[in-house]
Amino acid sequence: QKTLSIIKPDAYKAGHTNAINSMIENAGLIIVKKKEL
């Protein structure tokens, strides 16, 4: 399956993007596409 993930403004501002993405990937999910906006 594919699903959407949004890293929200609070987590982005706090600098948690890389840690969140590590948790996503460690769970066995692949980040297929990504964009900042």
PDB file of all heavy atoms in Angstrom:
ATOM      1  N   GLN A   1       0.841  -1.202   0.000  1.00  0.00           N
ATOM      2  CA  GLN A   1       0.000   0.000   0.000  1.00  0.00           C
ATOM      3  C   GLN A   1       0.868   1.240   0.000  1.00  0.00           C
ATOM      4  O   GLN A   1       2.029   1.209   0.389  1.00  0.00           O
ATOM      5  CB  GLN A   1      -0.860   0.068   1.275  1.00  0.00           C
ATOM      6  CG  GLN A   1      -1.946  -0.930   1.404  1.00  0.00           C
ATOM      7  CD  GLN A   1      -2.699  -0.749   2.724  1.00  0.00           C
ATOM      8  OE1 GLN A   1      -2.126  -0.407   3.752  1.00  0.00           O
ATOM      9  NE2 GLN A   1      -3.999  -0.998   2.677  1.00  0.00           N
ATOM     10  N   LYS A   2       0.225   2.335  -0.374  1.00  0.00           N
ATOM     11  CA  LYS A   2       0.818   3.658  -0.229  1.00  0.00           C
ATOM     12  C   LYS A   2      -0.041   4.444   0.745  1.00  0.00           C
ATOM     13  O   LYS A   2      -1.251   4.256   0.830  1.00  0.00           O
ATOM     14  CB  LYS A   2       0.874   4.375  -1.575  1.00  0.00           C
ATOM     15  CG  LYS A   2       1.886   3.787  -2.540  1.00  0.00           C
ATOM     16  CD  LYS A   2       1.939   4.594  -3.815  1.00  0.00           C
ATOM     17  CE  LYS A   2       3.064   4.166  -4.721  1.00  0.00           C
ATOM     18  NZ  LYS A   2       2.871   2.875  -5.351  1.00  0.00           N
ATOM     19  N   THR A   3       0.598   5.325   1.501  1.00  0.00           N
ATOM     20  CA  THR A   3      -0.117   6.187   2.429  1.00  0.00           C
ATOM     21  C   THR A   3       0.587   7.529   2.508  1.00  0.00           C
ATOM     22  O   THR A   3       1.745   7.656   2.109  1.00  0.00           O
ATOM     23  CB  THR A   3      -0.246   5.526   3.826  1.00  0.00           C
ATOM     24  OG1 THR A   3      -1.163   6.286   4.619  1.00  0.00           O
ATOM     25  CG2 THR A   3       1.091   5.426   4.543  1.00  0.00           C
ATOM     26  N   LEU A   4      -0.139   8.517   3.016  1.00  0.00           N
ATOM     27  CA  LEU A   4       0.418   9.859   3.158  1.00  0.00           C
ATOM     28  C   LEU A   4       0.954  10.048   4.568  1.00  0.00           C
ATOM     29  O   LEU A   4       0.331   9.642   5.541  1.00  0.00           O
ATOM     30  CB  LEU A   4      -0.659  10.923   2.891  1.00  0.00           C
ATOM     31  CG  LEU A   4      -0.168  12.363   3.066  1.00  0.00           C
ATOM     32  CD1 LEU A   4       0.740  12.776   1.914  1.00  0.00           C
ATOM     33  CD2 LEU A   4      -1.337  13.321   3.191  1.00  0.00           C
ATOM     34  N   SER A   5       2.085  10.693   4.650  1.00  0.00           N
ATOM     35  CA  SER A   5       2.647  11.150   5.919  1.00  0.00           C
ATOM     36  C   SER A   5       2.861  12.652   5.814  1.00  0.00           C
ATOM     37  O   SER A   5       3.383  13.139   4.803  1.00  0.00           O
ATOM     38  CB  SER A   5       3.999  10.472   6.178  1.00  0.00           C
ATOM     39  OG  SER A   5       4.699  11.137   7.217  1.00  0.00           O
ATOM     40  N   ILE A   6       2.444  13.374   6.826  1.00  0.00           N
ATOM     41  CA  ILE A   6       2.774  14.799   6.919  1.00  0.00           C
ATOM     42  C   ILE A   6       3.541  15.013   8.214  1.00  0.00           C
ATOM     43  O   ILE A   6       3.068  14.622   9.290  1.00  0.00           O
ATOM     44  CB  ILE A   6       1.525  15.714   6.931  1.00  0.00           C
ATOM     45  CG1 ILE A   6       0.693  15.535   5.671  1.00  0.00           C
ATOM     46  CG2 ILE A   6       1.948  17.176   7.103  1.00  0.00           C
ATOM     47  CD1 ILE A   6      -0.606  16.343   5.664  1.00  0.00           C
ATOM     48  N   ILE A   7       4.707  15.598   8.106  1.00  0.00           N
ATOM     49  CA  ILE A   7       5.419  16.077   9.290  1.00  0.00           C
ATOM     50  C   ILE A   7       4.953  17.514   9.475  1.00  0.00           C
ATOM     51  O   ILE A   7       5.191  18.381   8.626  1.00  0.00           O
ATOM     52  CB  ILE A   7       6.944  15.958   9.121  1.00  0.00           C
ATOM     53  CG1 ILE A   7       7.320  14.476   8.931  1.00  0.00           C
ATOM     54  CG2 ILE A   7       7.655  16.573  10.334  1.00  0.00           C
ATOM     55  CD1 ILE A   7       8.779  14.226   8.657  1.00  0.00           C
ATOM     56  N   LYS A   8       4.236  17.742  10.559  1.00  0.00           N
ATOM     57  CA  LYS A   8       3.536  19.008  10.798  1.00  0.00           C
ATOM     58  C   LYS A   8       4.488  20.119  11.239  1.00  0.00           C
ATOM     59  O   LYS A   8       5.640  19.854  11.605  1.00  0.00           O
ATOM     60  CB  LYS A   8       2.433  18.787  11.832  1.00  0.00           C
ATOM     61  CG  LYS A   8       1.325  17.860  11.336  1.00  0.00           C
ATOM     62  CD  LYS A   8       0.233  17.728  12.384  1.00  0.00           C
ATOM     63  CE  LYS A   8      -0.916  16.868  11.900  1.00  0.00           C
ATOM     64  NZ  LYS A   8      -1.997  16.805  12.909  1.00  0.00           N
ATOM     65  N   PRO A   9       3.996  21.371  11.219  1.00  0.00           N
ATOM     66  CA  PRO A   9       4.863  22.518  11.535  1.00  0.00           C
ATOM     67  C   PRO A   9       5.592  22.426  12.876  1.00  0.00           C
ATOM     68  O   PRO A   9       6.745  22.855  12.976  1.00  0.00           O
ATOM     69  CB  PRO A   9       3.899  23.707  11.531  1.00  0.00           C
ATOM     70  CG  PRO A   9       2.808  23.305  10.606  1.00  0.00           C
ATOM     71  CD  PRO A   9       2.651  21.817  10.814  1.00  0.00           C
ATOM     72  N   ASP A  10       4.962  21.864  13.904  1.00  0.00           N
ATOM     73  CA  ASP A  10       5.610  21.780  15.211  1.00  0.00           C
ATOM     74  C   ASP A  10       6.845  20.888  15.171  1.00  0.00           C
ATOM     75  O   ASP A  10       7.913  21.257  15.664  1.00  0.00           O
ATOM     76  CB  ASP A  10       4.626  21.325  16.291  1.00  0.00           C
ATOM     77  CG  ASP A  10       3.965  19.974  15.994  1.00  0.00           C
ATOM     78  OD1 ASP A  10       3.612  19.723  14.815  1.00  0.00           O
ATOM     79  OD2 ASP A  10       3.789  19.177  16.929  1.00  0.00           O
ATOM     80  N   ALA A  11       6.705  19.719  14.557  1.00  0.00           N
ATOM     81  CA  ALA A  11       7.825  18.776  14.485  1.00  0.00           C
ATOM     82  C   ALA A  11       8.907  19.278  13.533  1.00  0.00           C
ATOM     83  O   ALA A  11      10.097  19.114  13.787  1.00  0.00           O
ATOM     84  CB  ALA A  11       7.327  17.405  14.063  1.00  0.00           C
ATOM     85  N   TYR A  12       8.486  19.908  12.437  1.00  0.00           N
ATOM     86  CA  TYR A  12       9.449  20.473  11.485  1.00  0.00           C
ATOM     87  C   TYR A  12      10.286  21.552  12.168  1.00  0.00           C
ATOM     88  O   TYR A  12      11.511  21.537  12.104  1.00  0.00           O
ATOM     89  CB  TYR A  12       8.702  21.039  10.273  1.00  0.00           C
ATOM     90  CG  TYR A  12       9.608  21.669   9.248  1.00  0.00           C
ATOM     91  CD1 TYR A  12      10.067  20.936   8.166  1.00  0.00           C
ATOM     92  CD2 TYR A  12      10.018  22.992   9.359  1.00  0.00           C
ATOM     93  CE1 TYR A  12      10.908  21.495   7.211  1.00  0.00           C
ATOM     94  CE2 TYR A  12      10.858  23.564   8.425  1.00  0.00           C
ATOM     95  CZ  TYR A  12      11.304  22.814   7.352  1.00  0.00           C
ATOM     96  OH  TYR A  12      12.145  23.380   6.426  1.00  0.00           O
ATOM     97  N   LYS A  13       9.599  22.488  12.824  1.00  0.00           N
ATOM     98  CA  LYS A  13      10.276  23.611  13.487  1.00  0.00           C
ATOM     99  C   LYS A  13      11.235  23.126  14.573  1.00  0.00           C
ATOM    100  O   LYS A  13      12.308  23.690  14.769  1.00  0.00           O
ATOM    101  CB  LYS A  13       9.243  24.571  14.077  1.00  0.00           C
ATOM    102  CG  LYS A  13       9.841  25.797  14.708  1.00  0.00           C
ATOM    103  CD  LYS A  13       8.756  26.725  15.231  1.00  0.00           C
ATOM    104  CE  LYS A  13       9.381  27.950  15.878  1.00  0.00           C
ATOM    105  NZ  LYS A  13       8.365  28.842  16.452  1.00  0.00           N
ATOM    106  N   ALA A  14      10.849  22.069  15.277  1.00  0.00           N
ATOM    107  CA  ALA A  14      11.680  21.534  16.361  1.00  0.00           C
ATOM    108  C   ALA A  14      12.851  20.692  15.848  1.00  0.00           C
ATOM    109  O   ALA A  14      13.675  20.229  16.639  1.00  0.00           O
ATOM    110  CB  ALA A  14      10.818  20.711  17.310  1.00  0.00           C
ATOM    111  N   GLY A  15      12.919  20.467  14.539  1.00  0.00           N
ATOM    112  CA  GLY A  15      14.029  19.724  13.961  1.00  0.00           C
ATOM    113  C   GLY A  15      13.921  18.212  14.094  1.00  0.00           C
ATOM    114  O   GLY A  15      14.935  17.515  14.106  1.00  0.00           O
ATOM    115  N   HIS A  16      12.687  17.695  14.150  1.00  0.00           N
ATOM    116  CA  HIS A  16      12.490  16.257  14.344  1.00  0.00           C
ATOM    117  C   HIS A  16      12.326  15.460  13.048  1.00  0.00           C
ATOM    118  O   HIS A  16      12.108  14.246  13.104  1.00  0.00           O
ATOM    119  CB  HIS A  16      11.268  16.014  15.227  1.00  0.00           C
ATOM    120  CG  HIS A  16      11.397  16.563  16.609  1.00  0.00           C
ATOM    121  ND1 HIS A  16      12.494  16.339  17.413  1.00  0.00           N
ATOM    122  CD2 HIS A  16      10.552  17.345  17.330  1.00  0.00           C
ATOM    123  CE1 HIS A  16      12.325  16.946  18.565  1.00  0.00           C
ATOM    124  NE2 HIS A  16      11.161  17.571  18.545  1.00  0.00           N
ATOM    125  N   THR A  17      12.430  16.108  11.894  1.00  0.00           N
ATOM    126  CA  THR A  17      12.174  15.432  10.616  1.00  0.00           C
ATOM    127  C   THR A  17      13.027  14.177  10.437  1.00  0.00           C
ATOM    128  O   THR A  17      12.504  13.106  10.106  1.00  0.00           O
ATOM    129  CB  THR A  17      12.376  16.403   9.437  1.00  0.00           C
ATOM    130  OG1 THR A  17      11.452  17.483   9.576  1.00  0.00           O
ATOM    131  CG2 THR A  17      12.154  15.720   8.105  1.00  0.00           C
ATOM    132  N   ASN A  18      14.320  14.286  10.637  1.00  0.00           N
ATOM    133  CA  ASN A  18      15.199  13.125  10.412  1.00  0.00           C
ATOM    134  C   ASN A  18      14.900  11.993  11.385  1.00  0.00           C
ATOM    135  O   ASN A  18      14.894  10.819  10.997  1.00  0.00           O
ATOM    136  CB  ASN A  18      16.667  13.535  10.483  1.00  0.00           C
ATOM    137  CG  ASN A  18      17.093  14.372   9.291  1.00  0.00           C
ATOM    138  OD1 ASN A  18      16.454  14.351   8.244  1.00  0.00           O
ATOM    139  ND2 ASN A  18      18.168  15.134   9.457  1.00  0.00           N
ATOM    140  N   ALA A  19      14.643  12.322  12.641  1.00  0.00           N
ATOM    141  CA  ALA A  19      14.334  11.292  13.637  1.00  0.00           C
ATOM    142  C   ALA A  19      13.008  10.603  13.306  1.00  0.00           C
ATOM    143  O   ALA A  19      12.894   9.374  13.431  1.00  0.00           O
ATOM    144  CB  ALA A  19      14.290  11.906  15.033  1.00  0.00           C
ATOM    145  N   ILE A  20      12.019  11.378  12.885  1.00  0.00           N
ATOM    146  CA  ILE A  20      10.726  10.805  12.497  1.00  0.00           C
ATOM    147  C   ILE A  20      10.903   9.893  11.292  1.00  0.00           C
ATOM    148  O   ILE A  20      10.387   8.766  11.262  1.00  0.00           O
ATOM    149  CB  ILE A  20       9.698  11.915  12.223  1.00  0.00           C
ATOM    150  CG1 ILE A  20       9.299  12.584  13.548  1.00  0.00           C
ATOM    151  CG2 ILE A  20       8.469  11.377  11.486  1.00  0.00           C
ATOM    152  CD1 ILE A  20       8.474  13.853  13.400  1.00  0.00           C
ATOM    153  N   ASN A  21      11.663  10.350  10.304  1.00  0.00           N
ATOM    154  CA  ASN A  21      11.866   9.521   9.113  1.00  0.00           C
ATOM    155  C   ASN A  21      12.654   8.251   9.431  1.00  0.00           C
ATOM    156  O   ASN A  21      12.404   7.202   8.829  1.00  0.00           O
ATOM    157  CB  ASN A  21      12.512  10.334   7.995  1.00  0.00           C
ATOM    158  CG  ASN A  21      11.500  11.216   7.303  1.00  0.00           C
ATOM    159  OD1 ASN A  21      10.296  11.000   7.407  1.00  0.00           O
ATOM    160  ND2 ASN A  21      11.980  12.219   6.597  1.00  0.00           N
ATOM    161  N   SER A  22      13.556   8.312  10.380  1.00  0.00           N
ATOM    162  CA  SER A  22      14.264   7.099  10.808  1.00  0.00           C
ATOM    163  C   SER A  22      13.283   6.103  11.413  1.00  0.00           C
ATOM    164  O   SER A  22      13.368   4.898  11.142  1.00  0.00           O
ATOM    165  CB  SER A  22      15.351   7.443  11.834  1.00  0.00           C
ATOM    166  OG  SER A  22      16.411   8.116  11.206  1.00  0.00           O
ATOM    167  N   MET A  23      12.329   6.589  12.221  1.00  0.00           N
ATOM    168  CA  MET A  23      11.329   5.701  12.818  1.00  0.00           C
ATOM    169  C   MET A  23      10.446   5.081  11.735  1.00  0.00           C
ATOM    170  O   MET A  23      10.114   3.895  11.810  1.00  0.00           O
ATOM    171  CB  MET A  23      10.481   6.470  13.833  1.00  0.00           C
ATOM    172  CG  MET A  23      11.257   6.881  15.074  1.00  0.00           C
ATOM    173  SD  MET A  23      10.262   7.865  16.230  1.00  0.00           S
ATOM    174  CE  MET A  23       9.180   6.582  16.887  1.00  0.00           C
ATOM    175  N   ILE A  24      10.088   5.883  10.729  1.00  0.00           N
ATOM    176  CA  ILE A  24       9.272   5.383   9.618  1.00  0.00           C
ATOM    177  C   ILE A  24      10.016   4.275   8.874  1.00  0.00           C
ATOM    178  O   ILE A  24       9.469   3.195   8.628  1.00  0.00           O
ATOM    179  CB  ILE A  24       8.906   6.550   8.662  1.00  0.00           C
ATOM    180  CG1 ILE A  24       7.888   7.490   9.331  1.00  0.00           C
ATOM    181  CG2 ILE A  24       8.384   6.029   7.319  1.00  0.00           C
ATOM    182  CD1 ILE A  24       7.664   8.807   8.592  1.00  0.00           C
ATOM    183  N   GLU A  25      11.267   4.538   8.536  1.00  0.00           N
ATOM    184  CA  GLU A  25      12.044   3.565   7.770  1.00  0.00           C
ATOM    185  C   GLU A  25      12.373   2.322   8.606  1.00  0.00           C
ATOM    186  O   GLU A  25      12.365   1.207   8.085  1.00  0.00           O
ATOM    187  CB  GLU A  25      13.303   4.227   7.220  1.00  0.00           C
ATOM    188  CG  GLU A  25      12.953   5.250   6.135  1.00  0.00           C
ATOM    189  CD  GLU A  25      14.130   6.094   5.669  1.00  0.00           C
ATOM    190  OE1 GLU A  25      15.053   6.352   6.467  1.00  0.00           O
ATOM    191  OE2 GLU A  25      14.096   6.505   4.488  1.00  0.00           O
ATOM    192  N   ASN A  26      12.647   2.510   9.882  1.00  0.00           N
ATOM    193  CA  ASN A  26      12.941   1.368  10.758  1.00  0.00           C
ATOM    194  C   ASN A  26      11.732   0.452  10.923  1.00  0.00           C
ATOM    195  O   ASN A  26      11.890  -0.730  11.240  1.00  0.00           O
ATOM    196  CB  ASN A  26      13.444   1.834  12.121  1.00  0.00           C
ATOM    197  CG  ASN A  26      14.852   2.394  12.054  1.00  0.00           C
ATOM    198  OD1 ASN A  26      15.605   2.122  11.121  1.00  0.00           O
ATOM    199  ND2 ASN A  26      15.216   3.199  13.038  1.00  0.00           N
ATOM    200  N   ALA A  27      10.540   1.001  10.697  1.00  0.00           N
ATOM    201  CA  ALA A  27       9.317   0.194  10.775  1.00  0.00           C
ATOM    202  C   ALA A  27       9.095  -0.621   9.502  1.00  0.00           C
ATOM    203  O   ALA A  27       8.186  -1.444   9.446  1.00  0.00           O
ATOM    204  CB  ALA A  27       8.114   1.100  11.029  1.00  0.00           C
ATOM    205  N   GLY A  28       9.915  -0.380   8.474  1.00  0.00           N
ATOM    206  CA  GLY A  28       9.797  -1.127   7.229  1.00  0.00           C
ATOM    207  C   GLY A  28       9.070  -0.397   6.124  1.00  0.00           C
ATOM    208  O   GLY A  28       8.753  -0.991   5.091  1.00  0.00           O
ATOM    209  N   LEU A  29       8.812   0.887   6.327  1.00  0.00           N
ATOM    210  CA  LEU A  29       8.163   1.685   5.281  1.00  0.00           C
ATOM    211  C   LEU A  29       9.214   2.401   4.447  1.00  0.00           C
ATOM    212  O   LEU A  29      10.274   2.785   4.958  1.00  0.00           O
ATOM    213  CB  LEU A  29       7.211   2.712   5.917  1.00  0.00           C
ATOM    214  CG  LEU A  29       6.007   2.086   6.623  1.00  0.00           C
ATOM    215  CD1 LEU A  29       5.345   3.100   7.542  1.00  0.00           C
ATOM    216  CD2 LEU A  29       5.020   1.541   5.616  1.00  0.00           C
ATOM    217  N   ILE A  30       8.910   2.578   3.175  1.00  0.00           N
ATOM    218  CA  ILE A  30       9.816   3.257   2.249  1.00  0.00           C
ATOM    219  C   ILE A  30       9.235   4.626   1.921  1.00  0.00           C
ATOM    220  O   ILE A  30       8.044   4.746   1.619  1.00  0.00           O
ATOM    221  CB  ILE A  30       9.993   2.435   0.949  1.00  0.00           C
ATOM    222  CG1 ILE A  30      10.614   1.082   1.275  1.00  0.00           C
ATOM    223  CG2 ILE A  30      10.836   3.191  -0.070  1.00  0.00           C
ATOM    224  CD1 ILE A  30      10.526   0.088   0.131  1.00  0.00           C
ATOM    225  N   ILE A  31      10.069   5.655   1.994  1.00  0.00           N
ATOM    226  CA  ILE A  31       9.654   6.997   1.598  1.00  0.00           C
ATOM    227  C   ILE A  31       9.869   7.100   0.093  1.00  0.00           C
ATOM    228  O   ILE A  31      10.993   7.188  -0.381  1.00  0.00           O
ATOM    229  CB  ILE A  31      10.445   8.085   2.354  1.00  0.00           C
ATOM    230  CG1 ILE A  31      10.219   7.929   3.871  1.00  0.00           C
ATOM    231  CG2 ILE A  31      10.032   9.477   1.871  1.00  0.00           C
ATOM    232  CD1 ILE A  31      11.160   8.761   4.730  1.00  0.00           C
ATOM    233  N   VAL A  32       8.760   7.046  -0.654  1.00  0.00           N
ATOM    234  CA  VAL A  32       8.808   7.007  -2.108  1.00  0.00           C
ATOM    235  C   VAL A  32       8.965   8.412  -2.688  1.00  0.00           C
ATOM    236  O   VAL A  32       9.718   8.620  -3.640  1.00  0.00           O
ATOM    237  CB  VAL A  32       7.530   6.347  -2.670  1.00  0.00           C
ATOM    238  CG1 VAL A  32       7.533   6.339  -4.185  1.00  0.00           C
ATOM    239  CG2 VAL A  32       7.373   4.933  -2.135  1.00  0.00           C
ATOM    240  N   LYS A  33       8.228   9.354  -2.144  1.00  0.00           N
ATOM    241  CA  LYS A  33       8.293  10.753  -2.585  1.00  0.00           C
ATOM    242  C   LYS A  33       8.239  11.635  -1.358  1.00  0.00           C
ATOM    243  O   LYS A  33       7.630  11.291  -0.352  1.00  0.00           O
ATOM    244  CB  LYS A  33       7.119  11.105  -3.494  1.00  0.00           C
ATOM    245  CG  LYS A  33       7.114  10.382  -4.816  1.00  0.00           C
ATOM    246  CD  LYS A  33       5.960  10.828  -5.687  1.00  0.00           C
ATOM    247  CE  LYS A  33       5.965  10.042  -6.989  1.00  0.00           C
ATOM    248  NZ  LYS A  33       4.893  10.470  -7.881  1.00  0.00           N
ATOM    249  N   LYS A  34       8.868  12.818  -1.478  1.00  0.00           N
ATOM    250  CA  LYS A  34       8.899  13.737  -0.355  1.00  0.00           C
ATOM    251  C   LYS A  34       9.015  15.154  -0.890  1.00  0.00           C
ATOM    252  O   LYS A  34       9.730  15.391  -1.868  1.00  0.00           O
ATOM    253  CB  LYS A  34      10.103  13.406   0.518  1.00  0.00           C
ATOM    254  CG  LYS A  34      10.362  14.388   1.608  1.00  0.00           C
ATOM    255  CD  LYS A  34      11.511  14.153   2.551  1.00  0.00           C
ATOM    256  CE  LYS A  34      12.589  13.208   2.315  1.00  0.00           C
ATOM    257  NZ  LYS A  34      13.577  13.164   3.402  1.00  0.00           N
ATOM    258  N   LYS A  35       8.289  16.069  -0.254  1.00  0.00           N
ATOM    259  CA  LYS A  35       8.490  17.473  -0.589  1.00  0.00           C
ATOM    260  C   LYS A  35       8.160  18.353   0.603  1.00  0.00           C
ATOM    261  O   LYS A  35       7.315  18.022   1.429  1.00  0.00           O
ATOM    262  CB  LYS A  35       7.712  17.891  -1.831  1.00  0.00           C
ATOM    263  CG  LYS A  35       6.210  17.800  -1.762  1.00  0.00           C
ATOM    264  CD  LYS A  35       5.614  18.204  -3.119  1.00  0.00           C
ATOM    265  CE  LYS A  35       4.125  17.969  -3.163  1.00  0.00           C
ATOM    266  NZ  LYS A  35       3.549  18.320  -4.455  1.00  0.00           N
ATOM    267  N   GLU A  36       8.862  19.456   0.669  1.00  0.00           N
ATOM    268  CA  GLU A  36       8.637  20.469   1.696  1.00  0.00           C
ATOM    269  C   GLU A  36       7.772  21.558   1.080  1.00  0.00           C
ATOM    270  O   GLU A  36       7.985  21.948  -0.070  1.00  0.00           O
ATOM    271  CB  GLU A  36       9.979  21.050   2.130  1.00  0.00           C
ATOM    272  CG  GLU A  36       9.881  22.167   3.135  1.00  0.00           C
ATOM    273  CD  GLU A  36      11.241  22.740   3.500  1.00  0.00           C
ATOM    274  OE1 GLU A  36      12.232  21.989   3.552  1.00  0.00           O
ATOM    275  OE2 GLU A  36      11.303  23.961   3.721  1.00  0.00           O
ATOM    276  N   LEU A  37       6.800  22.035   1.838  1.00  0.00           N
ATOM    277  CA  LEU A  37       5.968  23.124   1.337  1.00  0.00           C
ATOM    278  C   LEU A  37       5.348  23.897   2.486  1.00  0.00           C
ATOM    279  O   LEU A  37       5.398  23.468   3.639  1.00  0.00           O
ATOM    280  CB  LEU A  37       4.884  22.605   0.390  1.00  0.00           C
ATOM    281  CG  LEU A  37       3.936  21.537   0.912  1.00  0.00           C
ATOM    282  CD1 LEU A  37       2.606  22.150   1.265  1.00  0.00           C
ATOM    283  CD2 LEU A  37       3.750  20.478  -0.145  1.00  0.00           C
TER     284      LEU A  37
END
